[in-house]
Structures are given as C-alpha cells and as structure tokens.
C-alpha cells in the first residue's frame, strides 16, 4: 500500500502534547525518508490547528537532516541548565 494513496484516520487525535513530542514525530518521519510536505500533512491531521507551522516542521526536518539529535531546545546564553 502506498502512503501517498492511503488516508490516515486517527483513532484519537491528540489534545495535549509537548513541542518535544511533535519534534520527535518529525525526527521519526524524517528517519523513514518522508518528504517534508507529507510530514506536515500527516501532523496537521493529528494535531489539527495546534500543529507546528509548516515552516517550523520543515526547519526541524532540516535540522535532523544536518545531524541534530536532540528534540529539546538548546540552552541560550544566560539560562541555567
């Protein structure tokens, strides 16, 4: 079955989740070779209007493609660890 032709019927769309969870989904889909546009489409189905913006999904996919491993935010200068 082709992913392109299949529909994604979510049993229970998520109502609560963290940014790290969304980023983990992006990392997982990226590791499977899913195109950025398909990542966003699938996430939009699951997360609805609360989904990360398309540009942010693409940005995080690029970060993982460029070797990033962590899904958490990096500490900024002046912040405690």
PDB file of N, CA and C in Angstrom:
ATOM      1  N   UNK A   1       0.843  -1.179   0.000  1.00  0.00           N
ATOM      2  CA  UNK A   1       0.000   0.000   0.000  1.00  0.00           C
ATOM      3  C   UNK A   1       0.883   1.235   0.000  1.00  0.00           C
ATOM      4  N   UNK A   2       0.611   2.139  -0.858  1.00  0.00           N
ATOM      5  CA  UNK A   2       1.376   3.376  -0.958  1.00  0.00           C
ATOM      6  C   UNK A   2       0.899   4.378   0.079  1.00  0.00           C
ATOM      7  N   UNK A   3       1.847   5.016   0.762  1.00  0.00           N
ATOM      8  CA  UNK A   3       1.487   6.048   1.735  1.00  0.00           C
ATOM      9  C   UNK A   3       0.769   7.195   1.060  1.00  0.00           C
ATOM     10  N   UNK A   4       1.154   7.512  -0.146  1.00  0.00           N
ATOM     11  CA  UNK A   4       0.569   8.640  -0.860  1.00  0.00           C
ATOM     12  C   UNK A   4      -0.928   8.423  -1.089  1.00  0.00           C
ATOM     13  N   UNK A   5      -1.337   7.182  -1.302  1.00  0.00           N
ATOM     14  CA  UNK A   5      -2.732   6.900  -1.606  1.00  0.00           C
ATOM     15  C   UNK A   5      -3.549   6.509  -0.383  1.00  0.00           C
ATOM     16  N   UNK A   6      -2.912   6.326   0.742  1.00  0.00           N
ATOM     17  CA  UNK A   6      -3.654   5.920   1.924  1.00  0.00           C
ATOM     18  C   UNK A   6      -4.134   7.132   2.701  1.00  0.00           C
ATOM     19  N   UNK A   7      -5.180   6.932   3.464  1.00  0.00           N
ATOM     20  CA  UNK A   7      -5.659   8.014   4.323  1.00  0.00           C
ATOM     21  C   UNK A   7      -5.288   7.668   5.756  1.00  0.00           C
ATOM     22  N   UNK A   8      -5.160   8.690   6.553  1.00  0.00           N
ATOM     23  CA  UNK A   8      -4.794   8.491   7.943  1.00  0.00           C
ATOM     24  C   UNK A   8      -5.985   8.845   8.805  1.00  0.00           C
ATOM     25  N   UNK A   9      -6.657   7.844   9.289  1.00  0.00           N
ATOM     26  CA  UNK A   9      -7.782   8.054  10.184  1.00  0.00           C
ATOM     27  C   UNK A   9      -7.280   7.842  11.596  1.00  0.00           C
ATOM     28  N   UNK A  10      -7.216   8.911  12.335  1.00  0.00           N
ATOM     29  CA  UNK A  10      -6.716   8.833  13.686  1.00  0.00           C
ATOM     30  C   UNK A  10      -7.816   8.360  14.622  1.00  0.00           C
ATOM     31  N   UNK A  11      -7.483   7.388  15.434  1.00  0.00           N
ATOM     32  CA  UNK A  11      -8.434   6.870  16.398  1.00  0.00           C
ATOM     33  C   UNK A  11      -8.727   7.930  17.451  1.00  0.00           C
ATOM     34  N   UNK A  12      -7.681   8.612  17.884  1.00  0.00           N
ATOM     35  CA  UNK A  12      -7.843   9.622  18.928  1.00  0.00           C
ATOM     36  C   UNK A  12      -6.849  10.754  18.698  1.00  0.00           C
ATOM     37  N   UNK A  13      -7.245  11.789  17.951  1.00  0.00           N
ATOM     38  CA  UNK A  13      -6.334  12.925  17.783  1.00  0.00           C
ATOM     39  C   UNK A  13      -5.877  13.443  19.148  1.00  0.00           C
ATOM     40  N   UNK A  14      -4.647  13.843  19.214  1.00  0.00           N
ATOM     41  CA  UNK A  14      -4.077  14.276  20.483  1.00  0.00           C
ATOM     42  C   UNK A  14      -4.585  15.654  20.871  1.00  0.00           C
ATOM     43  N   UNK A  15      -4.985  15.780  22.125  1.00  0.00           N
ATOM     44  CA  UNK A  15      -5.430  17.090  22.604  1.00  0.00           C
ATOM     45  C   UNK A  15      -4.358  17.750  23.462  1.00  0.00           C
ATOM     46  N   UNK A  16      -3.482  16.949  24.026  1.00  0.00           N
ATOM     47  CA  UNK A  16      -2.363  17.508  24.789  1.00  0.00           C
ATOM     48  C   UNK A  16      -1.080  16.820  24.359  1.00  0.00           C
ATOM     49  N   UNK A  17      -0.043  17.610  24.194  1.00  0.00           N
ATOM     50  CA  UNK A  17       1.263  17.110  23.782  1.00  0.00           C
ATOM     51  C   UNK A  17       2.261  18.228  23.957  1.00  0.00           C
ATOM     52  N   UNK A  18       3.536  17.874  23.883  1.00  0.00           N
ATOM     53  CA  UNK A  18       4.607  18.865  24.034  1.00  0.00           C
ATOM     54  C   UNK A  18       5.277  19.134  22.695  1.00  0.00           C
ATOM     55  N   UNK A  19       6.017  20.232  22.647  1.00  0.00           N
ATOM     56  CA  UNK A  19       6.792  20.529  21.441  1.00  0.00           C
ATOM     57  C   UNK A  19       7.787  19.412  21.170  1.00  0.00           C
ATOM     58  N   UNK A  20       8.348  18.849  22.242  1.00  0.00           N
ATOM     59  CA  UNK A  20       9.315  17.771  22.074  1.00  0.00           C
ATOM     60  C   UNK A  20       8.664  16.556  21.427  1.00  0.00           C
ATOM     61  N   UNK A  21       7.410  16.291  21.765  1.00  0.00           N
ATOM     62  CA  UNK A  21       6.714  15.172  21.136  1.00  0.00           C
ATOM     63  C   UNK A  21       6.521  15.430  19.645  1.00  0.00           C
ATOM     64  N   UNK A  22       6.129  16.640  19.278  1.00  0.00           N
ATOM     65  CA  UNK A  22       5.982  16.970  17.861  1.00  0.00           C
ATOM     66  C   UNK A  22       7.314  16.830  17.135  1.00  0.00           C
ATOM     67  N   UNK A  23       8.366  17.315  17.750  1.00  0.00           N
ATOM     68  CA  UNK A  23       9.693  17.222  17.135  1.00  0.00           C
ATOM     69  C   UNK A  23      10.134  15.772  17.001  1.00  0.00           C
ATOM     70  N   UNK A  24       9.756  14.939  17.967  1.00  0.00           N
ATOM     71  CA  UNK A  24      10.078  13.511  17.886  1.00  0.00           C
ATOM     72  C   UNK A  24       9.377  12.865  16.696  1.00  0.00           C
ATOM     73  N   UNK A  25       8.146  13.285  16.437  1.00  0.00           N
ATOM     74  CA  UNK A  25       7.419  12.780  15.278  1.00  0.00           C
ATOM     75  C   UNK A  25       8.149  13.193  14.005  1.00  0.00           C
ATOM     76  N   UNK A  26       8.582  14.444  13.947  1.00  0.00           N
ATOM     77  CA  UNK A  26       9.323  14.926  12.775  1.00  0.00           C
ATOM     78  C   UNK A  26      10.592  14.104  12.593  1.00  0.00           C
ATOM     79  N   UNK A  27      11.306  13.869  13.681  1.00  0.00           N
ATOM     80  CA  UNK A  27      12.553  13.092  13.604  1.00  0.00           C
ATOM     81  C   UNK A  27      12.278  11.668  13.110  1.00  0.00           C
ATOM     82  N   UNK A  28      11.229  11.071  13.630  1.00  0.00           N
ATOM     83  CA  UNK A  28      10.865   9.720  13.224  1.00  0.00           C
ATOM     84  C   UNK A  28      10.509   9.675  11.740  1.00  0.00           C
ATOM     85  N   UNK A  29       9.641  10.587  11.313  1.00  0.00           N
ATOM     86  CA  UNK A  29       9.238  10.604   9.909  1.00  0.00           C
ATOM     87  C   UNK A  29      10.417  10.912   8.997  1.00  0.00           C
ATOM     88  N   UNK A  30      11.293  11.823   9.432  1.00  0.00           N
ATOM     89  CA  UNK A  30      12.486  12.126   8.650  1.00  0.00           C
ATOM     90  C   UNK A  30      13.334  10.859   8.496  1.00  0.00           C
ATOM     91  N   UNK A  31      13.481  10.088   9.595  1.00  0.00           N
ATOM     92  CA  UNK A  31      14.313   8.880   9.536  1.00  0.00           C
ATOM     93  C   UNK A  31      13.736   7.835   8.588  1.00  0.00           C
ATOM     94  N   UNK A  32      12.436   7.905   8.324  1.00  0.00           N
ATOM     95  CA  UNK A  32      11.798   6.999   7.377  1.00  0.00           C
ATOM     96  C   UNK A  32      11.858   7.521   5.943  1.00  0.00           C
ATOM     97  N   UNK A  33      12.395   8.735   5.762  1.00  0.00           N
ATOM     98  CA  UNK A  33      12.515   9.296   4.430  1.00  0.00           C
ATOM     99  C   UNK A  33      11.251   9.981   3.930  1.00  0.00           C
ATOM    100  N   UNK A  34      10.362  10.336   4.854  1.00  0.00           N
ATOM    101  CA  UNK A  34       9.120  11.002   4.479  1.00  0.00           C
ATOM    102  C   UNK A  34       9.439  12.438   4.056  1.00  0.00           C
ATOM    103  N   UNK A  35       8.843  12.882   2.958  1.00  0.00           N
ATOM    104  CA  UNK A  35       9.062  14.243   2.473  1.00  0.00           C
ATOM    105  C   UNK A  35       8.472  15.250   3.454  1.00  0.00           C
ATOM    106  N   UNK A  36       9.076  16.427   3.477  1.00  0.00           N
ATOM    107  CA  UNK A  36       8.651  17.470   4.413  1.00  0.00           C
ATOM    108  C   UNK A  36       7.167  17.791   4.280  1.00  0.00           C
ATOM    109  N   UNK A  37       6.691  17.912   3.061  1.00  0.00           N
ATOM    110  CA  UNK A  37       5.281  18.256   2.843  1.00  0.00           C
ATOM    111  C   UNK A  37       4.353  17.166   3.380  1.00  0.00           C
ATOM    112  N   UNK A  38       4.758  15.914   3.239  1.00  0.00           N
ATOM    113  CA  UNK A  38       3.969  14.800   3.758  1.00  0.00           C
ATOM    114  C   UNK A  38       4.009  14.783   5.285  1.00  0.00           C
ATOM    115  N   UNK A  39       5.168  15.119   5.869  1.00  0.00           N
ATOM    116  CA  UNK A  39       5.258  15.213   7.337  1.00  0.00           C
ATOM    117  C   UNK A  39       4.225  16.198   7.852  1.00  0.00           C
ATOM    118  N   UNK A  40       4.231  17.380   7.243  1.00  0.00           N
ATOM    119  CA  UNK A  40       3.313  18.421   7.693  1.00  0.00           C
ATOM    120  C   UNK A  40       1.860  17.983   7.517  1.00  0.00           C
ATOM    121  N   UNK A  41       1.549  17.396   6.384  1.00  0.00           N
ATOM    122  CA  UNK A  41       0.182  16.954   6.137  1.00  0.00           C
ATOM    123  C   UNK A  41      -0.273  15.953   7.184  1.00  0.00           C
ATOM    124  N   UNK A  42       0.575  14.985   7.477  1.00  0.00           N
ATOM    125  CA  UNK A  42       0.222  13.960   8.462  1.00  0.00           C
ATOM    126  C   UNK A  42       0.105  14.547   9.855  1.00  0.00           C
ATOM    127  N   UNK A  43       1.002  15.449  10.204  1.00  0.00           N
ATOM    128  CA  UNK A  43       0.945  16.064  11.527  1.00  0.00           C
ATOM    129  C   UNK A  43      -0.291  16.950  11.666  1.00  0.00           C
ATOM    130  N   UNK A  44      -0.653  17.639  10.605  1.00  0.00           N
ATOM    131  CA  UNK A  44      -1.832  18.508  10.628  1.00  0.00           C
ATOM    132  C   UNK A  44      -3.092  17.686  10.899  1.00  0.00           C
ATOM    133  N   UNK A  45      -3.167  16.488  10.337  1.00  0.00           N
ATOM    134  CA  UNK A  45      -4.304  15.600  10.588  1.00  0.00           C
ATOM    135  C   UNK A  45      -4.371  15.258  12.071  1.00  0.00           C
ATOM    136  N   UNK A  46      -3.237  14.942  12.657  1.00  0.00           N
ATOM    137  CA  UNK A  46      -3.205  14.504  14.054  1.00  0.00           C
ATOM    138  C   UNK A  46      -3.347  15.657  15.041  1.00  0.00           C
ATOM    139  N   UNK A  47      -2.636  16.746  14.807  1.00  0.00           N
ATOM    140  CA  UNK A  47      -2.578  17.832  15.780  1.00  0.00           C
ATOM    141  C   UNK A  47      -3.554  18.970  15.487  1.00  0.00           C
ATOM    142  N   UNK A  48      -4.152  18.976  14.308  1.00  0.00           N
ATOM    143  CA  UNK A  48      -5.148  19.989  13.968  1.00  0.00           C
ATOM    144  C   UNK A  48      -4.568  21.393  13.950  1.00  0.00           C
ATOM    145  N   UNK A  49      -5.379  22.347  14.394  1.00  0.00           N
ATOM    146  CA  UNK A  49      -4.973  23.751  14.366  1.00  0.00           C
ATOM    147  C   UNK A  49      -3.803  24.065  15.292  1.00  0.00           C
ATOM    148  N   UNK A  50      -3.506  23.160  16.217  1.00  0.00           N
ATOM    149  CA  UNK A  50      -2.389  23.377  17.146  1.00  0.00           C
ATOM    150  C   UNK A  50      -1.059  22.876  16.605  1.00  0.00           C
ATOM    151  N   UNK A  51      -1.076  22.328  15.408  1.00  0.00           N
ATOM    152  CA  UNK A  51       0.138  21.791  14.796  1.00  0.00           C
ATOM    153  C   UNK A  51       1.174  22.894  14.582  1.00  0.00           C
ATOM    154  N   UNK A  52       2.441  22.507  14.654  1.00  0.00           N
ATOM    155  CA  UNK A  52       3.505  23.442  14.292  1.00  0.00           C
ATOM    156  C   UNK A  52       3.231  24.003  12.900  1.00  0.00           C
ATOM    157  N   UNK A  53       3.636  25.231  12.685  1.00  0.00           N
ATOM    158  CA  UNK A  53       3.517  25.820  11.347  1.00  0.00           C
ATOM    159  C   UNK A  53       4.345  25.000  10.353  1.00  0.00           C
ATOM    160  N   UNK A  54       3.939  25.034   9.112  1.00  0.00           N
ATOM    161  CA  UNK A  54       4.620  24.266   8.075  1.00  0.00           C
ATOM    162  C   UNK A  54       6.110  24.596   8.015  1.00  0.00           C
ATOM    163  N   UNK A  55       6.444  25.867   8.087  1.00  0.00           N
ATOM    164  CA  UNK A  55       7.849  26.274   8.041  1.00  0.00           C
ATOM    165  C   UNK A  55       8.667  25.706   9.185  1.00  0.00           C
ATOM    166  N   UNK A  56       8.061  25.603  10.360  1.00  0.00           N
ATOM    167  CA  UNK A  56       8.766  25.039  11.517  1.00  0.00           C
ATOM    168  C   UNK A  56       8.976  23.532  11.345  1.00  0.00           C
ATOM    169  N   UNK A  57       7.991  22.850  10.782  1.00  0.00           N
ATOM    170  CA  UNK A  57       8.157  21.418  10.511  1.00  0.00           C
ATOM    171  C   UNK A  57       9.326  21.225   9.556  1.00  0.00           C
ATOM    172  N   UNK A  58       9.367  22.024   8.487  1.00  0.00           N
ATOM    173  CA  UNK A  58      10.457  21.930   7.507  1.00  0.00           C
ATOM    174  C   UNK A  58      11.798  22.255   8.169  1.00  0.00           C
ATOM    175  N   UNK A  59      11.803  23.289   9.014  1.00  0.00           N
ATOM    176  CA  UNK A  59      13.043  23.700   9.695  1.00  0.00           C
ATOM    177  C   UNK A  59      13.577  22.580  10.576  1.00  0.00           C
ATOM    178  N   UNK A  60      12.707  21.941  11.350  1.00  0.00           N
ATOM    179  CA  UNK A  60      13.167  20.855  12.223  1.00  0.00           C
ATOM    180  C   UNK A  60      13.610  19.646  11.416  1.00  0.00           C
ATOM    181  N   UNK A  61      12.938  19.352  10.330  1.00  0.00           N
ATOM    182  CA  UNK A  61      13.367  18.233   9.478  1.00  0.00           C
ATOM    183  C   UNK A  61      14.771  18.504   8.936  1.00  0.00           C
ATOM    184  N   UNK A  62      15.027  19.743   8.543  1.00  0.00           N
ATOM    185  CA  UNK A  62      16.359  20.121   8.056  1.00  0.00           C
ATOM    186  C   UNK A  62      17.402  19.985   9.169  1.00  0.00           C
ATOM    187  N   UNK A  63      17.038  20.373  10.361  1.00  0.00           N
ATOM    188  CA  UNK A  63      17.973  20.242  11.494  1.00  0.00           C
ATOM    189  C   UNK A  63      18.369  18.790  11.688  1.00  0.00           C
ATOM    190  N   UNK A  64      17.390  17.883  11.643  1.00  0.00           N
ATOM    191  CA  UNK A  64      17.709  16.461  11.802  1.00  0.00           C
ATOM    192  C   UNK A  64      18.531  15.962  10.621  1.00  0.00           C
ATOM    193  N   UNK A  65      18.226  16.431   9.445  1.00  0.00           N
ATOM    194  CA  UNK A  65      18.999  16.047   8.253  1.00  0.00           C
ATOM    195  C   UNK A  65      20.448  16.505   8.387  1.00  0.00           C
ATOM    196  N   UNK A  66      20.652  17.634   9.051  1.00  0.00           N
ATOM    197  CA  UNK A  66      22.005  18.176   9.230  1.00  0.00           C
ATOM    198  C   UNK A  66      22.712  17.632  10.465  1.00  0.00           C
ATOM    199  N   UNK A  67      22.157  16.598  11.074  1.00  0.00           N
ATOM    200  CA  UNK A  67      22.851  15.912  12.148  1.00  0.00           C
ATOM    201  C   UNK A  67      22.338  16.147  13.554  1.00  0.00           C
ATOM    202  N   UNK A  68      21.354  16.992  13.716  1.00  0.00           N
ATOM    203  CA  UNK A  68      20.830  17.233  15.063  1.00  0.00           C
ATOM    204  C   UNK A  68      20.206  15.948  15.597  1.00  0.00           C
ATOM    205  N   UNK A  69      20.414  15.688  16.888  1.00  0.00           N
ATOM    206  CA  UNK A  69      19.861  14.507  17.534  1.00  0.00           C
ATOM    207  C   UNK A  69      18.769  14.847  18.550  1.00  0.00           C
ATOM    208  N   UNK A  70      18.950  15.951  19.248  1.00  0.00           N
ATOM    209  CA  UNK A  70      18.038  16.309  20.340  1.00  0.00           C
ATOM    210  C   UNK A  70      16.766  16.964  19.819  1.00  0.00           C
ATOM    211  N   UNK A  71      15.670  16.692  20.521  1.00  0.00           N
ATOM    212  CA  UNK A  71      14.398  17.333  20.189  1.00  0.00           C
ATOM    213  C   UNK A  71      14.083  18.490  21.129  1.00  0.00           C
ATOM    214  N   UNK A  72      14.912  18.643  22.151  1.00  0.00           N
ATOM    215  CA  UNK A  72      14.696  19.731  23.108  1.00  0.00           C
ATOM    216  C   UNK A  72      15.407  20.994  22.631  1.00  0.00           C
ATOM    217  N   UNK A  73      14.959  22.127  23.178  1.00  0.00           N
ATOM    218  CA  UNK A  73      15.597  23.399  22.862  1.00  0.00           C
ATOM    219  C   UNK A  73      16.985  23.445  23.468  1.00  0.00           C
ATOM    220  N   UNK A  74      17.877  24.126  22.788  1.00  0.00           N
ATOM    221  CA  UNK A  74      19.219  24.346  23.315  1.00  0.00           C
ATOM    222  C   UNK A  74      19.148  25.466  24.358  1.00  0.00           C
ATOM    223  N   UNK A  75      19.969  25.353  25.392  1.00  0.00           N
ATOM    224  CA  UNK A  75      20.052  26.441  26.366  1.00  0.00           C
ATOM    225  C   UNK A  75      20.665  27.662  25.693  1.00  0.00           C
ATOM    226  N   UNK A  76      20.079  28.800  25.959  1.00  0.00           N
ATOM    227  CA  UNK A  76      20.621  30.048  25.432  1.00  0.00           C
ATOM    228  C   UNK A  76      21.552  30.632  26.461  1.00  0.00           C
ATOM    229  N   UNK A  77      22.476  31.480  26.015  1.00  0.00           N
ATOM    230  CA  UNK A  77      23.398  32.074  26.964  1.00  0.00           C
ATOM    231  C   UNK A  77      22.609  32.830  28.021  1.00  0.00           C
ATOM    232  N   UNK A  78      23.016  32.670  29.284  1.00  0.00           N
ATOM    233  CA  UNK A  78      22.352  33.319  30.387  1.00  0.00           C
ATOM    234  C   UNK A  78      21.270  32.451  31.037  1.00  0.00           C
ATOM    235  N   UNK A  79      20.918  31.314  30.421  1.00  0.00           N
ATOM    236  CA  UNK A  79      19.945  30.431  31.014  1.00  0.00           C
ATOM    237  C   UNK A  79      20.651  29.328  31.785  1.00  0.00           C
ATOM    238  N   UNK A  80      20.026  28.903  32.858  1.00  0.00           N
ATOM    239  CA  UNK A  80      20.614  27.808  33.632  1.00  0.00           C
ATOM    240  C   UNK A  80      20.278  26.483  32.988  1.00  0.00           C
ATOM    241  N   UNK A  81      21.084  25.454  33.237  1.00  0.00           N
ATOM    242  CA  UNK A  81      20.877  24.150  32.611  1.00  0.00           C
ATOM    243  C   UNK A  81      19.812  23.363  33.291  1.00  0.00           C
TER     244      UNK A  81
END
